[in-house]
Amino acid sequence: MKWHELSYGFPHAIILVIMIFAFITLSWRLYRYRLSLLERFTLVIPRSSTIFWTKTTALCLAWFFLSLALMQPEKQIVHPEKNTSGVLRKKKQDVIFLVDASASMAISDTRTGTSRLEYAQEIIDTMTSQFHGENVALYAFTSQPTKLVPLTPNTAFLRLLARQLAINEGDIAGTNIKTALEAIKKNYLSTSSSDLKTVIILSDGGDTELEGTAKEQRLNEILETIPDPNQYN
């Protein structure tokens, strides 16, 4: 595995690495101060410089690896694609979760007592725990969509927010998947891109308010919202 194959869930933690230089500077000043004391007071027992700098190096390495752990490095799963020259190159992948948060999602399974929303949360948690390098986003929808997590490589953050999903998220009732899909299209599918995109809809299904030709017309409107998959990957 090479460094350029890694992605980071929290890359801003690299700022902590800079503190190593400050620590080395302070350690050097402390070392010089102790030498000056030895010159002024002959009764002071000198300490081994080897032990001092060994401890300093060990602390610096510990701080570096702690900072690296906070950056959450992960190996990217790449999707190879041949360009015009026949050379394989990496492709990014964006996964957008669109979760139904209407009142019907609060209904519990009679056997397990688990609600439909809890099933959706479990699916998101299971899937994202196996991701490596994908960018993820999370939306809830009722009659209006609510963006909970913008596109990010930080799957841990998305999993945390997904567990906190609530019925009627955003304090808005109703169910309108067409409006939700229009928001996804506007934010992620409005321009052509070589990045792979996957939209995962988690809902309890049918519209109970429409029947017959009105329902069929509504389904056609929803399908027309979805752009050409070949054009937008």
C-alpha atoms as a PDB file:
ATOM      1  CA  MET A   1       0.000   0.000   0.000  1.00  0.00           C
ATOM      2  CA  LYS A   2       1.319   3.417  -1.019  1.00  0.00           C
ATOM      3  CA  TRP A   3       0.742   6.821   0.601  1.00  0.00           C
ATOM      4  CA  HIS A   4      -1.126   8.199  -2.413  1.00  0.00           C
ATOM      5  CA  GLU A   5      -3.645   5.332  -2.158  1.00  0.00           C
ATOM      6  CA  LEU A   6      -4.842   6.547   1.241  1.00  0.00           C
ATOM      7  CA  SER A   7      -7.809   8.771   1.985  1.00  0.00           C
ATOM      8  CA  TYR A   8      -8.393  10.480   5.338  1.00  0.00           C
ATOM      9  CA  GLY A   9     -11.619  10.793   7.292  1.00  0.00           C
ATOM     10  CA  PHE A  10     -10.345  13.813   9.251  1.00  0.00           C
ATOM     11  CA  PRO A  11      -7.395  15.294   7.323  1.00  0.00           C
ATOM     12  CA  HIS A  12      -7.395  18.516   9.383  1.00  0.00           C
ATOM     13  CA  ALA A  13      -5.735  16.597  12.227  1.00  0.00           C
ATOM     14  CA  ILE A  14      -2.459  17.017  10.336  1.00  0.00           C
ATOM     15  CA  ILE A  15      -2.232  20.408  12.065  1.00  0.00           C
ATOM     16  CA  LEU A  16      -1.319  18.511  15.241  1.00  0.00           C
ATOM     17  CA  VAL A  17       1.852  17.224  13.560  1.00  0.00           C
ATOM     18  CA  ILE A  18       3.182  20.794  13.422  1.00  0.00           C
ATOM     19  CA  MET A  19       3.283  20.794  17.221  1.00  0.00           C
ATOM     20  CA  ILE A  20       6.137  18.280  17.033  1.00  0.00           C
ATOM     21  CA  PHE A  21       8.463  21.062  15.840  1.00  0.00           C
ATOM     22  CA  ALA A  22       7.409  23.229  18.779  1.00  0.00           C
ATOM     23  CA  PHE A  23       8.074  20.320  21.134  1.00  0.00           C
ATOM     24  CA  ILE A  24      11.542  19.745  19.662  1.00  0.00           C
ATOM     25  CA  THR A  25      12.332  23.459  20.038  1.00  0.00           C
ATOM     26  CA  LEU A  26      11.243  23.452  23.682  1.00  0.00           C
ATOM     27  CA  SER A  27      13.237  20.281  24.337  1.00  0.00           C
ATOM     28  CA  TRP A  28      16.357  21.875  22.828  1.00  0.00           C
ATOM     29  CA  ARG A  29      15.944  24.967  25.004  1.00  0.00           C
ATOM     30  CA  LEU A  30      15.467  22.770  28.062  1.00  0.00           C
ATOM     31  CA  TYR A  31      18.604  20.836  27.161  1.00  0.00           C
ATOM     32  CA  ARG A  32      20.625  24.050  26.768  1.00  0.00           C
ATOM     33  CA  TYR A  33      19.228  25.358  30.060  1.00  0.00           C
ATOM     34  CA  ARG A  34      20.380  22.247  31.895  1.00  0.00           C
ATOM     35  CA  LEU A  35      23.854  22.586  30.388  1.00  0.00           C
ATOM     36  CA  SER A  36      24.032  26.161  31.630  1.00  0.00           C
ATOM     37  CA  LEU A  37      23.105  24.979  35.120  1.00  0.00           C
ATOM     38  CA  LEU A  38      25.903  22.437  35.027  1.00  0.00           C
ATOM     39  CA  GLU A  39      28.365  25.181  34.173  1.00  0.00           C
ATOM     40  CA  ARG A  40      27.148  27.404  37.037  1.00  0.00           C
ATOM     41  CA  PHE A  41      26.685  24.770  39.724  1.00  0.00           C
ATOM     42  CA  THR A  42      29.320  22.074  39.855  1.00  0.00           C
ATOM     43  CA  LEU A  43      27.347  20.078  42.449  1.00  0.00           C
ATOM     44  CA  VAL A  44      24.503  19.368  40.008  1.00  0.00           C
ATOM     45  CA  ILE A  45      24.628  15.754  38.833  1.00  0.00           C
ATOM     46  CA  PRO A  46      24.635  15.702  35.007  1.00  0.00           C
ATOM     47  CA  ARG A  47      21.953  13.707  33.197  1.00  0.00           C
ATOM     48  CA  SER A  48      22.680  11.495  30.222  1.00  0.00           C
ATOM     49  CA  SER A  49      22.050  13.408  26.993  1.00  0.00           C
ATOM     50  CA  THR A  50      21.408  10.070  25.235  1.00  0.00           C
ATOM     51  CA  ILE A  51      18.532   9.237  27.590  1.00  0.00           C
ATOM     52  CA  PHE A  52      17.131  12.779  27.277  1.00  0.00           C
ATOM     53  CA  TRP A  53      17.034  12.736  23.483  1.00  0.00           C
ATOM     54  CA  THR A  54      15.764   9.141  23.383  1.00  0.00           C
ATOM     55  CA  LYS A  55      12.789  10.182  25.501  1.00  0.00           C
ATOM     56  CA  THR A  56      12.236  13.241  23.323  1.00  0.00           C
ATOM     57  CA  THR A  57      12.294  11.133  20.148  1.00  0.00           C
ATOM     58  CA  ALA A  58       9.890   8.590  21.648  1.00  0.00           C
ATOM     59  CA  LEU A  59       7.429  11.332  22.643  1.00  0.00           C
ATOM     60  CA  CYS A  60       7.624  12.899  19.180  1.00  0.00           C
ATOM     61  CA  LEU A  61       6.936   9.558  17.502  1.00  0.00           C
ATOM     62  CA  ALA A  62       4.034   8.860  19.860  1.00  0.00           C
ATOM     63  CA  TRP A  63       2.535  12.278  19.065  1.00  0.00           C
ATOM     64  CA  PHE A  64       3.013  11.703  15.313  1.00  0.00           C
ATOM     65  CA  PHE A  65       1.236   8.338  15.319  1.00  0.00           C
ATOM     66  CA  LEU A  66      -1.547   9.740  17.523  1.00  0.00           C
ATOM     67  CA  SER A  67      -2.062  12.551  15.004  1.00  0.00           C
ATOM     68  CA  LEU A  68      -2.029  10.029  12.152  1.00  0.00           C
ATOM     69  CA  ALA A  69      -4.664   7.913  13.928  1.00  0.00           C
ATOM     70  CA  LEU A  70      -6.885  10.990  14.371  1.00  0.00           C
ATOM     71  CA  MET A  71      -6.641  11.610  10.609  1.00  0.00           C
ATOM     72  CA  GLN A  72      -8.401   8.238  10.099  1.00  0.00           C
ATOM     73  CA  PRO A  73      -6.353   6.939   7.136  1.00  0.00           C
ATOM     74  CA  GLU A  74      -8.089   4.400   4.892  1.00  0.00           C
ATOM     75  CA  LYS A  75      -7.050   2.671   1.701  1.00  0.00           C
ATOM     76  CA  GLN A  76      -9.127   3.845  -1.228  1.00  0.00           C
ATOM     77  CA  ILE A  77     -11.132   1.332  -3.193  1.00  0.00           C
ATOM     78  CA  VAL A  78     -10.485   2.440  -6.745  1.00  0.00           C
ATOM     79  CA  HIS A  79     -12.611   1.720  -9.762  1.00  0.00           C
ATOM     80  CA  PRO A  80     -10.285   1.404 -12.760  1.00  0.00           C
ATOM     81  CA  GLU A  81     -11.174   3.027 -16.020  1.00  0.00           C
ATOM     82  CA  LYS A  82      -9.186   3.133 -19.229  1.00  0.00           C
ATOM     83  CA  ASN A  83      -8.635   6.546 -20.727  1.00  0.00           C
ATOM     84  CA  THR A  84      -7.945   7.242 -24.400  1.00  0.00           C
ATOM     85  CA  SER A  85      -4.325   6.125 -24.051  1.00  0.00           C
ATOM     86  CA  GLY A  86      -5.364   2.777 -22.540  1.00  0.00           C
ATOM     87  CA  VAL A  87      -3.845   3.602 -19.136  1.00  0.00           C
ATOM     88  CA  LEU A  88      -5.822   2.645 -16.044  1.00  0.00           C
ATOM     89  CA  ARG A  89      -6.702   5.497 -13.741  1.00  0.00           C
ATOM     90  CA  LYS A  90      -8.647   5.829 -10.512  1.00  0.00           C
ATOM     91  CA  LYS A  91     -12.275   6.884 -10.293  1.00  0.00           C
ATOM     92  CA  LYS A  92     -13.933   8.481  -7.297  1.00  0.00           C
ATOM     93  CA  GLN A  93     -17.268   7.226  -6.041  1.00  0.00           C
ATOM     94  CA  ASP A  94     -19.970   9.222  -4.269  1.00  0.00           C
ATOM     95  CA  VAL A  95     -22.705   7.395  -2.335  1.00  0.00           C
ATOM     96  CA  ILE A  96     -25.764   9.433  -1.333  1.00  0.00           C
ATOM     97  CA  PHE A  97     -28.254   7.944   1.148  1.00  0.00           C
ATOM     98  CA  LEU A  98     -31.830   9.232   0.878  1.00  0.00           C
ATOM     99  CA  VAL A  99     -33.918   8.107   3.867  1.00  0.00           C
ATOM    100  CA  ASP A 100     -37.694   8.311   4.267  1.00  0.00           C
ATOM    101  CA  ALA A 101     -38.416   9.967   7.630  1.00  0.00           C
ATOM    102  CA  SER A 102     -42.210  10.158   7.290  1.00  0.00           C
ATOM    103  CA  ALA A 103     -44.556   9.041  10.075  1.00  0.00           C
ATOM    104  CA  SER A 104     -45.128   5.604   8.512  1.00  0.00           C
ATOM    105  CA  MET A 105     -41.445   4.784   9.077  1.00  0.00           C
ATOM    106  CA  ALA A 106     -42.181   4.689  12.832  1.00  0.00           C
ATOM    107  CA  ILE A 107     -44.310   1.542  12.403  1.00  0.00           C
ATOM    108  CA  SER A 108     -42.663  -1.432  14.126  1.00  0.00           C
ATOM    109  CA  ASP A 109     -42.302  -4.976  12.914  1.00  0.00           C
ATOM    110  CA  THR A 110     -44.718  -7.125  14.912  1.00  0.00           C
ATOM    111  CA  ARG A 111     -42.146  -9.884  15.411  1.00  0.00           C
ATOM    112  CA  THR A 112     -39.031  -7.976  16.452  1.00  0.00           C
ATOM    113  CA  GLY A 113     -40.490  -4.623  17.501  1.00  0.00           C
ATOM    114  CA  THR A 114     -37.950  -2.846  15.276  1.00  0.00           C
ATOM    115  CA  SER A 115     -39.292   0.160  13.409  1.00  0.00           C
ATOM    116  CA  ARG A 116     -38.850   0.685   9.684  1.00  0.00           C
ATOM    117  CA  LEU A 117     -36.624   3.681  10.384  1.00  0.00           C
ATOM    118  CA  GLU A 118     -34.420   1.563  12.662  1.00  0.00           C
ATOM    119  CA  TYR A 119     -34.081  -0.994   9.855  1.00  0.00           C
ATOM    120  CA  ALA A 120     -32.967   1.811   7.520  1.00  0.00           C
ATOM    121  CA  GLN A 121     -30.441   3.032  10.091  1.00  0.00           C
ATOM    122  CA  GLU A 122     -29.063  -0.490  10.462  1.00  0.00           C
ATOM    123  CA  ILE A 123     -28.670  -0.834   6.687  1.00  0.00           C
ATOM    124  CA  ILE A 124     -26.742   2.462   6.492  1.00  0.00           C
ATOM    125  CA  ASP A 125     -24.497   1.504   9.402  1.00  0.00           C
ATOM    126  CA  THR A 126     -23.726  -1.947   7.971  1.00  0.00           C
ATOM    127  CA  MET A 127     -22.962  -0.634   4.491  1.00  0.00           C
ATOM    128  CA  THR A 128     -20.810   2.338   5.463  1.00  0.00           C
ATOM    129  CA  SER A 129     -18.798   0.273   7.946  1.00  0.00           C
ATOM    130  CA  GLN A 130     -17.453  -1.622   4.913  1.00  0.00           C
ATOM    131  CA  PHE A 131     -16.648   1.433   2.787  1.00  0.00           C
ATOM    132  CA  HIS A 132     -13.028   2.291   2.017  1.00  0.00           C
ATOM    133  CA  GLY A 133     -12.410   5.638   0.372  1.00  0.00           C
ATOM    134  CA  GLU A 134     -15.916   6.428  -0.901  1.00  0.00           C
ATOM    135  CA  ASN A 135     -17.445   9.851  -0.316  1.00  0.00           C
ATOM    136  CA  VAL A 136     -20.817   9.674   1.444  1.00  0.00           C
ATOM    137  CA  ALA A 137     -23.764  12.002   2.009  1.00  0.00           C
ATOM    138  CA  LEU A 138     -27.003  11.665   3.982  1.00  0.00           C
ATOM    139  CA  TYR A 139     -30.443  13.175   3.310  1.00  0.00           C
ATOM    140  CA  ALA A 140     -33.745  12.627   5.079  1.00  0.00           C
ATOM    141  CA  PHE A 141     -37.003  13.402   3.333  1.00  0.00           C
ATOM    142  CA  THR A 142     -40.620  13.991   4.298  1.00  0.00           C
ATOM    143  CA  SER A 143     -42.540  16.522   2.218  1.00  0.00           C
ATOM    144  CA  GLN A 144     -39.205  18.365   1.962  1.00  0.00           C
ATOM    145  CA  PRO A 145     -35.622  16.997   1.896  1.00  0.00           C
ATOM    146  CA  THR A 146     -33.212  17.770   4.733  1.00  0.00           C
ATOM    147  CA  LYS A 147     -29.453  17.616   4.198  1.00  0.00           C
ATOM    148  CA  LEU A 148     -27.914  15.995   7.273  1.00  0.00           C
ATOM    149  CA  VAL A 149     -24.388  15.203   6.048  1.00  0.00           C
ATOM    150  CA  PRO A 150     -22.792  16.877   3.001  1.00  0.00           C
ATOM    151  CA  LEU A 151     -20.522  14.819   0.770  1.00  0.00           C
ATOM    152  CA  THR A 152     -17.560  13.699   2.893  1.00  0.00           C
ATOM    153  CA  PRO A 153     -15.059  10.821   3.174  1.00  0.00           C
ATOM    154  CA  ASN A 154     -15.794  10.708   6.927  1.00  0.00           C
ATOM    155  CA  THR A 155     -18.039   7.633   7.143  1.00  0.00           C
ATOM    156  CA  ALA A 156     -17.803   7.618  10.956  1.00  0.00           C
ATOM    157  CA  PHE A 157     -19.479  11.024  11.069  1.00  0.00           C
ATOM    158  CA  LEU A 158     -22.255   9.871   8.741  1.00  0.00           C
ATOM    159  CA  ARG A 159     -22.860   6.737  10.810  1.00  0.00           C
ATOM    160  CA  LEU A 160     -23.188   8.877  13.929  1.00  0.00           C
ATOM    161  CA  LEU A 161     -25.708  11.228  12.309  1.00  0.00           C
ATOM    162  CA  ALA A 162     -27.647   8.329  10.779  1.00  0.00           C
ATOM    163  CA  ARG A 163     -28.228   6.863  14.248  1.00  0.00           C
ATOM    164  CA  GLN A 164     -29.807  10.167  15.295  1.00  0.00           C
ATOM    165  CA  LEU A 165     -32.332  10.242  12.426  1.00  0.00           C
ATOM    166  CA  ALA A 166     -35.836  11.000  13.711  1.00  0.00           C
ATOM    167  CA  ILE A 167     -39.354  10.738  12.371  1.00  0.00           C
ATOM    168  CA  ASN A 168     -40.442  13.964  10.647  1.00  0.00           C
ATOM    169  CA  GLU A 169     -36.807  15.085  10.489  1.00  0.00           C
ATOM    170  CA  GLY A 170     -36.656  18.879  10.224  1.00  0.00           C
ATOM    171  CA  ASP A 171     -40.085  19.108  11.921  1.00  0.00           C
ATOM    172  CA  ILE A 172     -41.833  18.655   8.568  1.00  0.00           C
ATOM    173  CA  ALA A 173     -44.454  15.961   7.943  1.00  0.00           C
ATOM    174  CA  GLY A 174     -45.516  14.246   4.740  1.00  0.00           C
ATOM    175  CA  THR A 175     -43.786  12.210   2.014  1.00  0.00           C
ATOM    176  CA  ASN A 176     -42.532  13.610  -1.283  1.00  0.00           C
ATOM    177  CA  ILE A 177     -39.837  11.549  -2.930  1.00  0.00           C
ATOM    178  CA  LYS A 178     -40.014  13.600  -6.139  1.00  0.00           C
ATOM    179  CA  THR A 179     -38.914  16.776  -4.328  1.00  0.00           C
ATOM    180  CA  ALA A 180     -36.137  14.811  -2.604  1.00  0.00           C
ATOM    181  CA  LEU A 181     -34.842  13.438  -5.904  1.00  0.00           C
ATOM    182  CA  GLU A 182     -34.934  16.918  -7.447  1.00  0.00           C
ATOM    183  CA  ALA A 183     -32.659  18.133  -4.614  1.00  0.00           C
ATOM    184  CA  ILE A 184     -30.244  15.235  -5.210  1.00  0.00           C
ATOM    185  CA  LYS A 185     -30.245  15.957  -8.941  1.00  0.00           C
ATOM    186  CA  LYS A 186     -29.555  19.659  -8.381  1.00  0.00           C
ATOM    187  CA  ASN A 187     -26.699  19.073  -5.929  1.00  0.00           C
ATOM    188  CA  TYR A 188     -24.977  16.041  -7.454  1.00  0.00           C
ATOM    189  CA  LEU A 189     -26.285  15.302 -10.954  1.00  0.00           C
ATOM    190  CA  SER A 190     -26.592  18.709 -12.579  1.00  0.00           C
ATOM    191  CA  THR A 191     -23.271  18.476 -14.438  1.00  0.00           C
ATOM    192  CA  SER A 192     -21.526  15.599 -16.183  1.00  0.00           C
ATOM    193  CA  SER A 193     -18.621  14.064 -14.289  1.00  0.00           C
ATOM    194  CA  SER A 194     -16.381  11.009 -14.510  1.00  0.00           C
ATOM    195  CA  ASP A 195     -16.985  10.302 -10.800  1.00  0.00           C
ATOM    196  CA  LEU A 196     -19.217   7.318 -10.068  1.00  0.00           C
ATOM    197  CA  LYS A 197     -22.433   8.205  -8.211  1.00  0.00           C
ATOM    198  CA  THR A 198     -24.817   5.936  -6.347  1.00  0.00           C
ATOM    199  CA  VAL A 199     -28.096   7.096  -4.794  1.00  0.00           C
ATOM    200  CA  ILE A 200     -29.569   4.661  -2.252  1.00  0.00           C
ATOM    201  CA  ILE A 201     -33.223   5.271  -1.328  1.00  0.00           C
ATOM    202  CA  LEU A 202     -34.512   3.717   1.907  1.00  0.00           C
ATOM    203  CA  SER A 203     -38.288   3.957   2.179  1.00  0.00           C
ATOM    204  CA  ASP A 204     -41.299   1.860   3.180  1.00  0.00           C
ATOM    205  CA  GLY A 205     -42.683   2.060  -0.339  1.00  0.00           C
ATOM    206  CA  GLY A 206     -46.048   2.840  -1.848  1.00  0.00           C
ATOM    207  CA  ASP A 207     -48.000   6.065  -1.873  1.00  0.00           C
ATOM    208  CA  THR A 208     -51.303   5.426  -0.115  1.00  0.00           C
ATOM    209  CA  GLU A 209     -52.910   8.676  -1.286  1.00  0.00           C
ATOM    210  CA  LEU A 210     -52.869   7.993  -5.048  1.00  0.00           C
ATOM    211  CA  GLU A 211     -54.613   5.259  -6.996  1.00  0.00           C
ATOM    212  CA  GLY A 212     -55.142   4.288 -10.631  1.00  0.00           C
ATOM    213  CA  THR A 213     -54.037   6.666 -13.393  1.00  0.00           C
ATOM    214  CA  ALA A 214     -53.081   9.392 -10.891  1.00  0.00           C
ATOM    215  CA  LYS A 215     -50.627   7.013  -9.250  1.00  0.00           C
ATOM    216  CA  GLU A 216     -49.188   5.942 -12.607  1.00  0.00           C
ATOM    217  CA  GLN A 217     -48.759   9.583 -13.632  1.00  0.00           C
ATOM    218  CA  ARG A 218     -47.023  10.302 -10.329  1.00  0.00           C
ATOM    219  CA  LEU A 219     -44.595   7.405 -10.847  1.00  0.00           C
ATOM    220  CA  ASN A 220     -43.765   8.673 -14.338  1.00  0.00           C
ATOM    221  CA  GLU A 221     -43.028  12.130 -12.906  1.00  0.00           C
ATOM    222  CA  ILE A 222     -40.670  10.585 -10.367  1.00  0.00           C
ATOM    223  CA  LEU A 223     -38.865   8.559 -13.042  1.00  0.00           C
ATOM    224  CA  GLU A 224     -38.469  11.641 -15.232  1.00  0.00           C
ATOM    225  CA  THR A 225     -36.649  13.319 -12.331  1.00  0.00           C
ATOM    226  CA  ILE A 226     -33.860  10.761 -12.578  1.00  0.00           C
ATOM    227  CA  PRO A 227     -31.281  11.794 -15.223  1.00  0.00           C
ATOM    228  CA  ASP A 228     -29.659   9.551 -17.799  1.00  0.00           C
ATOM    229  CA  PRO A 229     -27.421   7.153 -15.786  1.00  0.00           C
ATOM    230  CA  ASN A 230     -24.939   6.791 -18.635  1.00  0.00           C
ATOM    231  CA  GLN A 231     -24.418  10.549 -18.857  1.00  0.00           C
ATOM    232  CA  TYR A 232     -23.993  11.072 -15.107  1.00  0.00           C
ATOM    233  CA  ASN A 233     -22.320   7.760 -14.173  1.00  0.00           C
END
